[in-house]
Amino acid sequence: MENNKRKKISKLLVVVVLLVGLICILLPCIPKKPLNEDPMKTILLSVGCSLLATGISTYVLKQDGTQDDILDTLTEIKSSVNDLLHPEYASNILKEIGINTEYYKRHIKALSFPNSIKPSETESIVKNNLEKFKIEERHAIGHLQPTTVEYFYDLIGGTCDTNTARIFALYLSSFWASNSPFKDIIAYVDFDFVVALKSGSPILGYEFAKLIGKPFLLHEVTARFKDNQDDMRTWFNCSEVPEKGTTALIVDDSITGGAMVSEAIDHLRKYGYIVHTCFVVFEPQIKNARERLKNKGVQLVSIIKTHT
């Protein structure tokens, strides 16, 4: 009886050693830094391989271990490894040891977005380049309820230049890549196509969609069809109609009151699409656009805030 108890404890210890070794090998696979730039990953790999080798050799070379003992242990190891490789089980294990799995999932998705700017420099670079299109004159801005401002950033006009549109599209992509791992900054990171407003900055939206390899849709100012408004192309220009249930990301240069964006949101939802986020370069602090979109269940994400 005592001998059987010792064998069970021995098996359990071996399984634990093997699992710890496997975790040490898997952890360096989480992308954060390349292996050659992170000594800790090399250490974890070495420790993991050593533990695996130790666990296996301990049981295989055990003098009083029979062939049945070895087969039983290997079966237990296989079962434990299968559990570990199950996404939910593995996620729980990583959470228990302090690994933020949601962060790394978001980080992996962010890798597909071109990023050429250090996160700490994004706001200052965007602000400096935006100054090139500053009009130092009083103007009333806003489509439905104009508000007078002392100066105005004409980024719509600026992005009529292809190079400028591409540069600011890269700024958008870089900001998204750097911040999408953080849920408090960008709540929803998944989307299937980009929507720009014809009354907004369509060239910027197009260049952003092209840069990240997503389909592009253009929202109309007025209904194109007067007879059949069940067709989503009444309000949207597109080369292919997106599948219902897919998710849109609205992109513009800026937002003031949010009336036009709200209309685009309503039209997207009318035709069966999901929209969680409106993404802009700058956000003038002169109206309640952020609150207005929040009331519609849409987050406003902006690189910088102006007119504070």
C-alpha atoms as a PDB file:
ATOM      1  CA  MET A   1       0.000   0.000   0.000  1.00  0.00           C
ATOM      2  CA  GLU A   2       2.778   2.378   1.031  1.00  0.00           C
ATOM      3  CA  ASN A   3       4.713   1.481  -2.104  1.00  0.00           C
ATOM      4  CA  ASN A   4       1.732   2.277  -4.345  1.00  0.00           C
ATOM      5  CA  LYS A   5       1.283   5.608  -2.591  1.00  0.00           C
ATOM      6  CA  ARG A   6       4.924   6.487  -3.222  1.00  0.00           C
ATOM      7  CA  LYS A   7       4.525   5.564  -6.899  1.00  0.00           C
ATOM      8  CA  LYS A   8       1.467   7.812  -7.264  1.00  0.00           C
ATOM      9  CA  ILE A   9       3.281  10.713  -5.623  1.00  0.00           C
ATOM     10  CA  SER A  10       6.276  10.087  -7.861  1.00  0.00           C
ATOM     11  CA  LYS A  11       4.063  10.118 -10.959  1.00  0.00           C
ATOM     12  CA  LEU A  12       2.398  13.332  -9.837  1.00  0.00           C
ATOM     13  CA  LEU A  13       5.727  15.042  -9.271  1.00  0.00           C
ATOM     14  CA  VAL A  14       6.946  13.991 -12.709  1.00  0.00           C
ATOM     15  CA  VAL A  15       3.774  15.320 -14.336  1.00  0.00           C
ATOM     16  CA  VAL A  16       4.156  18.619 -12.465  1.00  0.00           C
ATOM     17  CA  VAL A  17       7.789  18.912 -13.550  1.00  0.00           C
ATOM     18  CA  LEU A  18       6.851  18.192 -17.160  1.00  0.00           C
ATOM     19  CA  LEU A  19       4.008  20.729 -17.131  1.00  0.00           C
ATOM     20  CA  VAL A  20       6.225  23.428 -15.628  1.00  0.00           C
ATOM     21  CA  GLY A  21       8.835  22.631 -18.254  1.00  0.00           C
ATOM     22  CA  LEU A  22       6.247  22.894 -21.025  1.00  0.00           C
ATOM     23  CA  ILE A  23       5.010  26.256 -19.691  1.00  0.00           C
ATOM     24  CA  CYS A  24       8.606  27.535 -19.635  1.00  0.00           C
ATOM     25  CA  ILE A  25       8.933  26.559 -23.296  1.00  0.00           C
ATOM     26  CA  LEU A  26       5.576  28.062 -24.318  1.00  0.00           C
ATOM     27  CA  LEU A  27       6.005  31.422 -22.568  1.00  0.00           C
ATOM     28  CA  PRO A  28       8.819  32.616 -24.874  1.00  0.00           C
ATOM     29  CA  CYS A  29       6.475  32.018 -27.804  1.00  0.00           C
ATOM     30  CA  ILE A  30       4.359  34.981 -26.670  1.00  0.00           C
ATOM     31  CA  PRO A  31       5.470  37.836 -28.960  1.00  0.00           C
ATOM     32  CA  LYS A  32       6.834  40.863 -27.161  1.00  0.00           C
ATOM     33  CA  LYS A  33      10.480  41.042 -28.105  1.00  0.00           C
ATOM     34  CA  PRO A  34      12.516  38.876 -30.516  1.00  0.00           C
ATOM     35  CA  LEU A  35      14.271  35.977 -28.822  1.00  0.00           C
ATOM     36  CA  ASN A  36      17.704  37.471 -29.416  1.00  0.00           C
ATOM     37  CA  GLU A  37      16.637  40.717 -27.675  1.00  0.00           C
ATOM     38  CA  ASP A  38      15.150  39.115 -24.572  1.00  0.00           C
ATOM     39  CA  PRO A  39      17.591  37.058 -22.442  1.00  0.00           C
ATOM     40  CA  MET A  40      14.745  35.929 -20.180  1.00  0.00           C
ATOM     41  CA  LYS A  41      13.164  34.034 -23.085  1.00  0.00           C
ATOM     42  CA  THR A  42      16.411  32.142 -23.654  1.00  0.00           C
ATOM     43  CA  ILE A  43      16.603  31.298 -19.951  1.00  0.00           C
ATOM     44  CA  LEU A  44      12.999  30.064 -19.914  1.00  0.00           C
ATOM     45  CA  LEU A  45      13.608  27.878 -22.955  1.00  0.00           C
ATOM     46  CA  SER A  46      16.702  26.356 -21.353  1.00  0.00           C
ATOM     47  CA  VAL A  47      14.936  25.726 -18.063  1.00  0.00           C
ATOM     48  CA  GLY A  48      11.911  24.271 -19.841  1.00  0.00           C
ATOM     49  CA  CYS A  49      13.969  21.848 -21.926  1.00  0.00           C
ATOM     50  CA  SER A  50      15.933  20.788 -18.838  1.00  0.00           C
ATOM     51  CA  LEU A  51      12.761  20.120 -16.859  1.00  0.00           C
ATOM     52  CA  LEU A  52      11.249  18.090 -19.689  1.00  0.00           C
ATOM     53  CA  ALA A  53      14.406  16.031 -20.023  1.00  0.00           C
ATOM     54  CA  THR A  54      14.626  15.537 -16.259  1.00  0.00           C
ATOM     55  CA  GLY A  55      10.996  14.490 -15.945  1.00  0.00           C
ATOM     56  CA  ILE A  56      11.157  11.983 -18.759  1.00  0.00           C
ATOM     57  CA  SER A  57      14.512  10.495 -17.775  1.00  0.00           C
ATOM     58  CA  THR A  58      13.468  10.232 -14.112  1.00  0.00           C
ATOM     59  CA  TYR A  59      10.635   7.943 -14.998  1.00  0.00           C
ATOM     60  CA  VAL A  60      12.143   6.043 -17.881  1.00  0.00           C
ATOM     61  CA  LEU A  61      15.373   5.317 -16.031  1.00  0.00           C
ATOM     62  CA  LYS A  62      13.748   4.590 -12.699  1.00  0.00           C
ATOM     63  CA  GLN A  63      15.057   1.239 -11.547  1.00  0.00           C
ATOM     64  CA  ASP A  64      11.814  -0.038 -10.026  1.00  0.00           C
ATOM     65  CA  GLY A  65       9.605   1.345 -12.756  1.00  0.00           C
ATOM     66  CA  THR A  66       7.968  -1.339 -14.874  1.00  0.00           C
ATOM     67  CA  GLN A  67       6.936  -0.984 -18.492  1.00  0.00           C
ATOM     68  CA  ASP A  68       3.334  -0.545 -17.344  1.00  0.00           C
ATOM     69  CA  ASP A  69       4.413   2.247 -14.994  1.00  0.00           C
ATOM     70  CA  ILE A  70       6.076   4.078 -17.855  1.00  0.00           C
ATOM     71  CA  LEU A  71       3.076   3.645 -20.169  1.00  0.00           C
ATOM     72  CA  ASP A  72       0.692   4.853 -17.432  1.00  0.00           C
ATOM     73  CA  THR A  73       2.823   7.928 -16.824  1.00  0.00           C
ATOM     74  CA  LEU A  74       3.090   8.741 -20.510  1.00  0.00           C
ATOM     75  CA  THR A  75      -0.714   8.462 -20.742  1.00  0.00           C
ATOM     76  CA  GLU A  76      -1.063  10.865 -17.814  1.00  0.00           C
ATOM     77  CA  ILE A  77       1.444  13.222 -19.393  1.00  0.00           C
ATOM     78  CA  LYS A  78      -0.430  13.126 -22.702  1.00  0.00           C
ATOM     79  CA  SER A  79      -3.705  13.924 -20.924  1.00  0.00           C
ATOM     80  CA  SER A  80      -2.111  16.803 -18.998  1.00  0.00           C
ATOM     81  CA  VAL A  81      -0.491  18.207 -22.116  1.00  0.00           C
ATOM     82  CA  ASN A  82      -3.805  18.020 -23.993  1.00  0.00           C
ATOM     83  CA  ASP A  83      -5.423  19.969 -21.165  1.00  0.00           C
ATOM     84  CA  LEU A  84      -2.639  22.520 -21.257  1.00  0.00           C
ATOM     85  CA  LEU A  85      -2.941  23.008 -24.996  1.00  0.00           C
ATOM     86  CA  HIS A  86      -6.697  23.598 -24.787  1.00  0.00           C
ATOM     87  CA  PRO A  87      -7.123  27.375 -25.316  1.00  0.00           C
ATOM     88  CA  GLU A  88      -9.369  27.966 -22.292  1.00  0.00           C
ATOM     89  CA  TYR A  89      -7.305  25.784 -19.978  1.00  0.00           C
ATOM     90  CA  ALA A  90      -4.039  27.324 -21.163  1.00  0.00           C
ATOM     91  CA  SER A  91      -5.519  30.797 -20.779  1.00  0.00           C
ATOM     92  CA  ASN A  92      -6.530  30.061 -17.182  1.00  0.00           C
ATOM     93  CA  ILE A  93      -3.066  28.706 -16.370  1.00  0.00           C
ATOM     94  CA  LEU A  94      -1.414  31.826 -17.799  1.00  0.00           C
ATOM     95  CA  LYS A  95      -3.806  34.088 -15.877  1.00  0.00           C
ATOM     96  CA  GLU A  96      -3.006  32.252 -12.645  1.00  0.00           C
ATOM     97  CA  ILE A  97       0.694  32.995 -13.072  1.00  0.00           C
ATOM     98  CA  GLY A  98       0.001  36.650 -13.835  1.00  0.00           C
ATOM     99  CA  ILE A  99       0.036  36.686 -17.640  1.00  0.00           C
ATOM    100  CA  ASN A 100      -2.528  39.072 -19.217  1.00  0.00           C
ATOM    101  CA  THR A 101      -3.704  36.867 -22.083  1.00  0.00           C
ATOM    102  CA  GLU A 102      -6.142  39.472 -23.429  1.00  0.00           C
ATOM    103  CA  TYR A 103      -3.292  41.948 -23.797  1.00  0.00           C
ATOM    104  CA  TYR A 104      -1.195  39.515 -25.824  1.00  0.00           C
ATOM    105  CA  LYS A 105      -4.112  38.508 -28.054  1.00  0.00           C
ATOM    106  CA  ARG A 106      -4.656  42.176 -28.848  1.00  0.00           C
ATOM    107  CA  HIS A 107      -0.921  42.688 -29.291  1.00  0.00           C
ATOM    108  CA  ILE A 108      -0.759  39.893 -31.877  1.00  0.00           C
ATOM    109  CA  LYS A 109      -3.640  41.454 -33.842  1.00  0.00           C
ATOM    110  CA  ALA A 110      -1.907  44.845 -33.705  1.00  0.00           C
ATOM    111  CA  LEU A 111       1.135  43.406 -35.482  1.00  0.00           C
ATOM    112  CA  SER A 112      -0.766  43.472 -38.791  1.00  0.00           C
ATOM    113  CA  PHE A 113      -0.972  47.286 -38.674  1.00  0.00           C
ATOM    114  CA  PRO A 114       1.983  49.226 -40.133  1.00  0.00           C
ATOM    115  CA  ASN A 115       3.688  51.146 -37.330  1.00  0.00           C
ATOM    116  CA  SER A 116       6.574  53.529 -37.896  1.00  0.00           C
ATOM    117  CA  ILE A 117       6.263  55.852 -34.884  1.00  0.00           C
ATOM    118  CA  LYS A 118       7.272  55.408 -31.264  1.00  0.00           C
ATOM    119  CA  PRO A 119       4.157  55.511 -29.067  1.00  0.00           C
ATOM    120  CA  SER A 120       5.639  58.294 -26.967  1.00  0.00           C
ATOM    121  CA  GLU A 121       6.141  60.468 -30.063  1.00  0.00           C
ATOM    122  CA  THR A 122       2.848  59.893 -31.895  1.00  0.00           C
ATOM    123  CA  GLU A 123       0.881  62.810 -30.447  1.00  0.00           C
ATOM    124  CA  SER A 124       3.662  65.372 -30.896  1.00  0.00           C
ATOM    125  CA  ILE A 125       4.379  64.271 -34.477  1.00  0.00           C
ATOM    126  CA  VAL A 126       0.707  64.398 -35.450  1.00  0.00           C
ATOM    127  CA  LYS A 127       0.242  67.769 -33.766  1.00  0.00           C
ATOM    128  CA  ASN A 128       3.285  69.275 -35.496  1.00  0.00           C
ATOM    129  CA  ASN A 129       2.195  68.043 -38.922  1.00  0.00           C
ATOM    130  CA  LEU A 130      -1.368  69.170 -38.326  1.00  0.00           C
ATOM    131  CA  GLU A 131      -0.111  72.717 -37.768  1.00  0.00           C
ATOM    132  CA  LYS A 132       0.770  72.873 -41.489  1.00  0.00           C
ATOM    133  CA  PHE A 133      -2.951  72.943 -42.267  1.00  0.00           C
ATOM    134  CA  LYS A 134      -3.991  75.431 -39.585  1.00  0.00           C
ATOM    135  CA  ILE A 135      -6.128  78.342 -40.739  1.00  0.00           C
ATOM    136  CA  GLU A 136      -5.694  81.259 -38.319  1.00  0.00           C
ATOM    137  CA  GLU A 137      -9.134  82.743 -38.909  1.00  0.00           C
ATOM    138  CA  ARG A 138     -12.493  82.676 -37.201  1.00  0.00           C
ATOM    139  CA  HIS A 139     -14.794  80.132 -38.809  1.00  0.00           C
ATOM    140  CA  ALA A 140     -18.113  78.514 -37.993  1.00  0.00           C
ATOM    141  CA  ILE A 141     -17.704  74.731 -38.225  1.00  0.00           C
ATOM    142  CA  GLY A 142     -20.198  71.886 -37.946  1.00  0.00           C
ATOM    143  CA  HIS A 143     -22.859  70.686 -40.380  1.00  0.00           C
ATOM    144  CA  LEU A 144     -26.109  71.074 -38.444  1.00  0.00           C
ATOM    145  CA  GLN A 145     -25.277  73.475 -35.611  1.00  0.00           C
ATOM    146  CA  PRO A 146     -22.209  75.509 -36.611  1.00  0.00           C
ATOM    147  CA  THR A 147     -19.903  76.688 -33.820  1.00  0.00           C
ATOM    148  CA  THR A 148     -17.438  79.537 -34.229  1.00  0.00           C
ATOM    149  CA  VAL A 149     -13.775  78.732 -33.570  1.00  0.00           C
ATOM    150  CA  GLU A 150     -10.716  80.988 -33.552  1.00  0.00           C
ATOM    151  CA  TYR A 151      -8.733  78.662 -35.810  1.00  0.00           C
ATOM    152  CA  PHE A 152      -9.388  75.635 -37.991  1.00  0.00           C
ATOM    153  CA  TYR A 153      -7.383  72.613 -39.150  1.00  0.00           C
ATOM    154  CA  ASP A 154      -8.125  71.946 -42.809  1.00  0.00           C
ATOM    155  CA  LEU A 155      -6.944  68.344 -42.929  1.00  0.00           C
ATOM    156  CA  ILE A 156      -9.609  67.493 -45.506  1.00  0.00           C
ATOM    157  CA  GLY A 157      -7.933  69.953 -47.844  1.00  0.00           C
ATOM    158  CA  GLY A 158      -4.482  68.727 -46.820  1.00  0.00           C
ATOM    159  CA  THR A 159      -5.280  65.104 -47.637  1.00  0.00           C
ATOM    160  CA  CYS A 160      -6.248  66.090 -51.183  1.00  0.00           C
ATOM    161  CA  ASP A 161      -2.512  65.677 -51.637  1.00  0.00           C
ATOM    162  CA  THR A 162      -1.864  61.934 -51.981  1.00  0.00           C
ATOM    163  CA  ASN A 163       1.385  61.961 -50.001  1.00  0.00           C
ATOM    164  CA  THR A 164      -0.228  63.840 -47.117  1.00  0.00           C
ATOM    165  CA  ALA A 165      -3.162  61.421 -47.087  1.00  0.00           C
ATOM    166  CA  ARG A 166      -0.763  58.472 -46.936  1.00  0.00           C
ATOM    167  CA  ILE A 167       1.259  60.054 -44.128  1.00  0.00           C
ATOM    168  CA  PHE A 168      -1.803  60.656 -41.963  1.00  0.00           C
ATOM    169  CA  ALA A 169      -3.118  57.186 -42.794  1.00  0.00           C
ATOM    170  CA  LEU A 170       0.160  55.849 -41.417  1.00  0.00           C
ATOM    171  CA  TYR A 171      -0.315  57.973 -38.294  1.00  0.00           C
ATOM    172  CA  LEU A 172      -3.725  56.369 -37.799  1.00  0.00           C
ATOM    173  CA  SER A 173      -2.293  52.899 -38.336  1.00  0.00           C
ATOM    174  CA  SER A 174       0.629  53.531 -35.975  1.00  0.00           C
ATOM    175  CA  PHE A 175      -1.643  54.811 -33.233  1.00  0.00           C
ATOM    176  CA  TRP A 176      -3.947  51.801 -33.626  1.00  0.00           C
ATOM    177  CA  ALA A 177      -1.014  49.371 -33.554  1.00  0.00           C
ATOM    178  CA  SER A 178       0.467  50.946 -30.424  1.00  0.00           C
ATOM    179  CA  ASN A 179      -2.765  51.321 -28.463  1.00  0.00           C
ATOM    180  CA  SER A 180      -5.052  48.460 -29.467  1.00  0.00           C
ATOM    181  CA  PRO A 181      -3.480  46.142 -26.842  1.00  0.00           C
ATOM    182  CA  PHE A 182      -4.966  48.456 -24.202  1.00  0.00           C
ATOM    183  CA  LYS A 183      -8.703  47.939 -23.783  1.00  0.00           C
ATOM    184  CA  ASP A 184      -9.168  51.213 -21.911  1.00  0.00           C
ATOM    185  CA  ILE A 185      -7.927  53.125 -24.984  1.00  0.00           C
ATOM    186  CA  ILE A 186      -9.539  51.034 -27.755  1.00  0.00           C
ATOM    187  CA  ALA A 187     -12.350  48.868 -26.428  1.00  0.00           C
ATOM    188  CA  TYR A 188     -12.982  46.904 -29.651  1.00  0.00           C
ATOM    189  CA  VAL A 189     -10.080  46.101 -31.962  1.00  0.00           C
ATOM    190  CA  ASP A 190     -11.768  43.766 -34.455  1.00  0.00           C
ATOM    191  CA  PHE A 191     -13.357  45.170 -37.620  1.00  0.00           C
ATOM    192  CA  ASP A 192     -13.920  43.934 -41.162  1.00  0.00           C
ATOM    193  CA  PHE A 193     -14.136  47.090 -43.272  1.00  0.00           C
ATOM    194  CA  VAL A 194     -13.529  50.837 -43.118  1.00  0.00           C
ATOM    195  CA  VAL A 195     -16.230  53.465 -43.633  1.00  0.00           C
ATOM    196  CA  ALA A 196     -15.507  57.109 -44.462  1.00  0.00           C
ATOM    197  CA  LEU A 197     -18.005  59.938 -44.869  1.00  0.00           C
ATOM    198  CA  LYS A 198     -18.340  61.585 -48.257  1.00  0.00           C
ATOM    199  CA  SER A 199     -18.953  64.789 -46.299  1.00  0.00           C
ATOM    200  CA  GLY A 200     -15.810  64.159 -44.247  1.00  0.00           C
ATOM    201  CA  SER A 201     -12.344  63.018 -45.278  1.00  0.00           C
ATOM    202  CA  PRO A 202     -12.867  60.171 -47.773  1.00  0.00           C
ATOM    203  CA  ILE A 203      -9.347  60.254 -49.203  1.00  0.00           C
ATOM    204  CA  LEU A 204      -7.843  59.733 -45.748  1.00  0.00           C
ATOM    205  CA  GLY A 205     -10.266  56.875 -45.079  1.00  0.00           C
ATOM    206  CA  TYR A 206      -9.426  55.253 -48.401  1.00  0.00           C
ATOM    207  CA  GLU A 207      -5.668  55.464 -47.830  1.00  0.00           C
ATOM    208  CA  PHE A 208      -6.036  54.015 -44.328  1.00  0.00           C
ATOM    209  CA  ALA A 209      -8.149  51.108 -45.599  1.00  0.00           C
ATOM    210  CA  LYS A 210      -5.653  50.427 -48.392  1.00  0.00           C
ATOM    211  CA  LEU A 211      -2.711  50.575 -45.980  1.00  0.00           C
ATOM    212  CA  ILE A 212      -4.174  47.956 -43.626  1.00  0.00           C
ATOM    213  CA  GLY A 213      -5.721  45.829 -46.382  1.00  0.00           C
ATOM    214  CA  LYS A 214      -9.396  46.276 -45.474  1.00  0.00           C
ATOM    215  CA  PRO A 215     -12.392  46.884 -47.796  1.00  0.00           C
ATOM    216  CA  PHE A 216     -13.453  50.524 -48.093  1.00  0.00           C
ATOM    217  CA  LEU A 217     -16.992  51.934 -48.063  1.00  0.00           C
ATOM    218  CA  LEU A 218     -18.078  55.521 -48.635  1.00  0.00           C
ATOM    219  CA  HIS A 219     -21.144  56.876 -46.839  1.00  0.00           C
ATOM    220  CA  GLU A 220     -23.396  59.113 -48.920  1.00  0.00           C
ATOM    221  CA  VAL A 221     -24.731  62.539 -47.919  1.00  0.00           C
ATOM    222  CA  THR A 222     -28.157  61.822 -49.402  1.00  0.00           C
ATOM    223  CA  ALA A 223     -29.931  58.634 -50.452  1.00  0.00           C
ATOM    224  CA  ARG A 224     -28.903  57.554 -53.952  1.00  0.00           C
ATOM    225  CA  PHE A 225     -31.998  55.428 -54.578  1.00  0.00           C
ATOM    226  CA  LYS A 226     -35.483  56.804 -54.065  1.00  0.00           C
ATOM    227  CA  ASP A 227     -37.415  53.635 -54.902  1.00  0.00           C
ATOM    228  CA  ASN A 228     -35.635  50.790 -53.052  1.00  0.00           C
ATOM    229  CA  GLN A 229     -33.985  51.815 -49.800  1.00  0.00           C
ATOM    230  CA  ASP A 230     -33.676  48.202 -48.635  1.00  0.00           C
ATOM    231  CA  ASP A 231     -30.461  48.059 -50.687  1.00  0.00           C
ATOM    232  CA  MET A 232     -27.509  49.172 -48.513  1.00  0.00           C
ATOM    233  CA  ARG A 233     -26.016  50.826 -51.598  1.00  0.00           C
ATOM    234  CA  THR A 234     -28.683  53.486 -51.162  1.00  0.00           C
ATOM    235  CA  TRP A 235     -26.355  55.020 -48.577  1.00  0.00           C
ATOM    236  CA  PHE A 236     -23.010  53.322 -49.200  1.00  0.00           C
ATOM    237  CA  ASN A 237     -20.672  53.181 -52.181  1.00  0.00           C
ATOM    238  CA  CYS A 238     -18.672  49.953 -52.298  1.00  0.00           C
ATOM    239  CA  SER A 239     -17.072  47.581 -54.784  1.00  0.00           C
ATOM    240  CA  GLU A 240     -18.547  44.604 -52.914  1.00  0.00           C
ATOM    241  CA  VAL A 241     -21.401  44.500 -50.419  1.00  0.00           C
ATOM    242  CA  PRO A 242     -20.073  43.344 -47.023  1.00  0.00           C
ATOM    243  CA  GLU A 243     -21.691  40.334 -45.409  1.00  0.00           C
ATOM    244  CA  LYS A 244     -24.351  41.198 -42.857  1.00  0.00           C
ATOM    245  CA  GLY A 245     -23.161  40.871 -39.282  1.00  0.00           C
ATOM    246  CA  THR A 246     -19.645  42.084 -40.093  1.00  0.00           C
ATOM    247  CA  THR A 247     -18.101  45.042 -38.279  1.00  0.00           C
ATOM    248  CA  ALA A 248     -17.348  48.547 -39.561  1.00  0.00           C
ATOM    249  CA  LEU A 249     -14.755  51.045 -38.368  1.00  0.00           C
ATOM    250  CA  ILE A 250     -15.691  54.658 -39.136  1.00  0.00           C
ATOM    251  CA  VAL A 251     -12.660  56.804 -39.981  1.00  0.00           C
ATOM    252  CA  ASP A 252     -12.520  60.571 -40.419  1.00  0.00           C
ATOM    253  CA  ASP A 253     -10.128  63.470 -40.020  1.00  0.00           C
ATOM    254  CA  SER A 254     -12.075  64.951 -37.071  1.00  0.00           C
ATOM    255  CA  ILE A 255     -15.465  65.164 -35.401  1.00  0.00           C
ATOM    256  CA  THR A 256     -17.246  68.153 -33.862  1.00  0.00           C
ATOM    257  CA  GLY A 257     -20.898  67.560 -33.011  1.00  0.00           C
ATOM    258  CA  GLY A 258     -21.077  64.023 -34.358  1.00  0.00           C
ATOM    259  CA  ALA A 259     -24.316  64.436 -36.345  1.00  0.00           C
ATOM    260  CA  MET A 260     -22.956  63.056 -39.622  1.00  0.00           C
ATOM    261  CA  VAL A 261     -21.193  60.157 -37.927  1.00  0.00           C
ATOM    262  CA  SER A 262     -24.380  59.352 -36.005  1.00  0.00           C
ATOM    263  CA  GLU A 263     -26.265  59.152 -39.287  1.00  0.00           C
ATOM    264  CA  ALA A 264     -23.663  56.764 -40.710  1.00  0.00           C
ATOM    265  CA  ILE A 265     -23.966  54.599 -37.579  1.00  0.00           C
ATOM    266  CA  ASP A 266     -27.744  54.463 -37.972  1.00  0.00           C
ATOM    267  CA  HIS A 267     -27.454  53.454 -41.622  1.00  0.00           C
ATOM    268  CA  LEU A 268     -24.868  50.756 -40.882  1.00  0.00           C
ATOM    269  CA  ARG A 269     -27.080  49.227 -38.216  1.00  0.00           C
ATOM    270  CA  LYS A 270     -30.160  49.514 -40.394  1.00  0.00           C
ATOM    271  CA  TYR A 271     -28.526  47.206 -42.949  1.00  0.00           C
ATOM    272  CA  GLY A 272     -27.349  44.674 -40.366  1.00  0.00           C
ATOM    273  CA  TYR A 273     -23.780  45.799 -39.681  1.00  0.00           C
ATOM    274  CA  ILE A 274     -21.989  46.238 -36.369  1.00  0.00           C
ATOM    275  CA  VAL A 275     -20.148  49.407 -35.407  1.00  0.00           C
ATOM    276  CA  HIS A 276     -18.312  49.970 -32.132  1.00  0.00           C
ATOM    277  CA  THR A 277     -15.749  52.644 -32.934  1.00  0.00           C
ATOM    278  CA  CYS A 278     -15.211  55.954 -34.691  1.00  0.00           C
ATOM    279  CA  PHE A 279     -11.512  56.719 -35.246  1.00  0.00           C
ATOM    280  CA  VAL A 280     -10.293  60.255 -35.991  1.00  0.00           C
ATOM    281  CA  VAL A 281      -7.014  62.151 -36.186  1.00  0.00           C
ATOM    282  CA  PHE A 282      -8.094  65.060 -33.997  1.00  0.00           C
ATOM    283  CA  GLU A 283     -11.025  65.811 -31.734  1.00  0.00           C
ATOM    284  CA  PRO A 284     -11.970  69.489 -31.209  1.00  0.00           C
ATOM    285  CA  GLN A 285     -13.212  70.025 -27.649  1.00  0.00           C
ATOM    286  CA  ILE A 286     -16.031  72.368 -28.602  1.00  0.00           C
ATOM    287  CA  LYS A 287     -19.101  70.127 -28.656  1.00  0.00           C
ATOM    288  CA  ASN A 288     -20.335  66.890 -27.141  1.00  0.00           C
ATOM    289  CA  ALA A 289     -19.421  64.465 -29.951  1.00  0.00           C
ATOM    290  CA  ARG A 290     -17.828  61.914 -27.615  1.00  0.00           C
ATOM    291  CA  GLU A 291     -20.882  61.802 -25.352  1.00  0.00           C
ATOM    292  CA  ARG A 292     -23.222  61.685 -28.325  1.00  0.00           C
ATOM    293  CA  LEU A 293     -21.489  58.632 -29.780  1.00  0.00           C
ATOM    294  CA  LYS A 294     -21.247  56.994 -26.364  1.00  0.00           C
ATOM    295  CA  ASN A 295     -25.028  57.216 -26.077  1.00  0.00           C
ATOM    296  CA  LYS A 296     -25.230  55.249 -29.339  1.00  0.00           C
ATOM    297  CA  GLY A 297     -22.861  52.591 -27.994  1.00  0.00           C
ATOM    298  CA  VAL A 298     -19.900  53.794 -30.083  1.00  0.00           C
ATOM    299  CA  GLN A 299     -16.478  54.726 -28.727  1.00  0.00           C
ATOM    300  CA  LEU A 300     -14.714  57.791 -30.106  1.00  0.00           C
ATOM    301  CA  VAL A 301     -10.966  57.213 -30.465  1.00  0.00           C
ATOM    302  CA  SER A 302      -8.773  60.191 -31.358  1.00  0.00           C
ATOM    303  CA  ILE A 303      -5.015  60.666 -31.625  1.00  0.00           C
ATOM    304  CA  ILE A 304      -5.030  64.225 -30.276  1.00  0.00           C
ATOM    305  CA  LYS A 305      -7.513  66.699 -28.852  1.00  0.00           C
ATOM    306  CA  THR A 306      -7.636  70.306 -30.060  1.00  0.00           C
ATOM    307  CA  HIS A 307      -9.446  73.532 -29.100  1.00  0.00           C
ATOM    308  CA  THR A 308      -9.157  72.542 -25.451  1.00  0.00           C
END
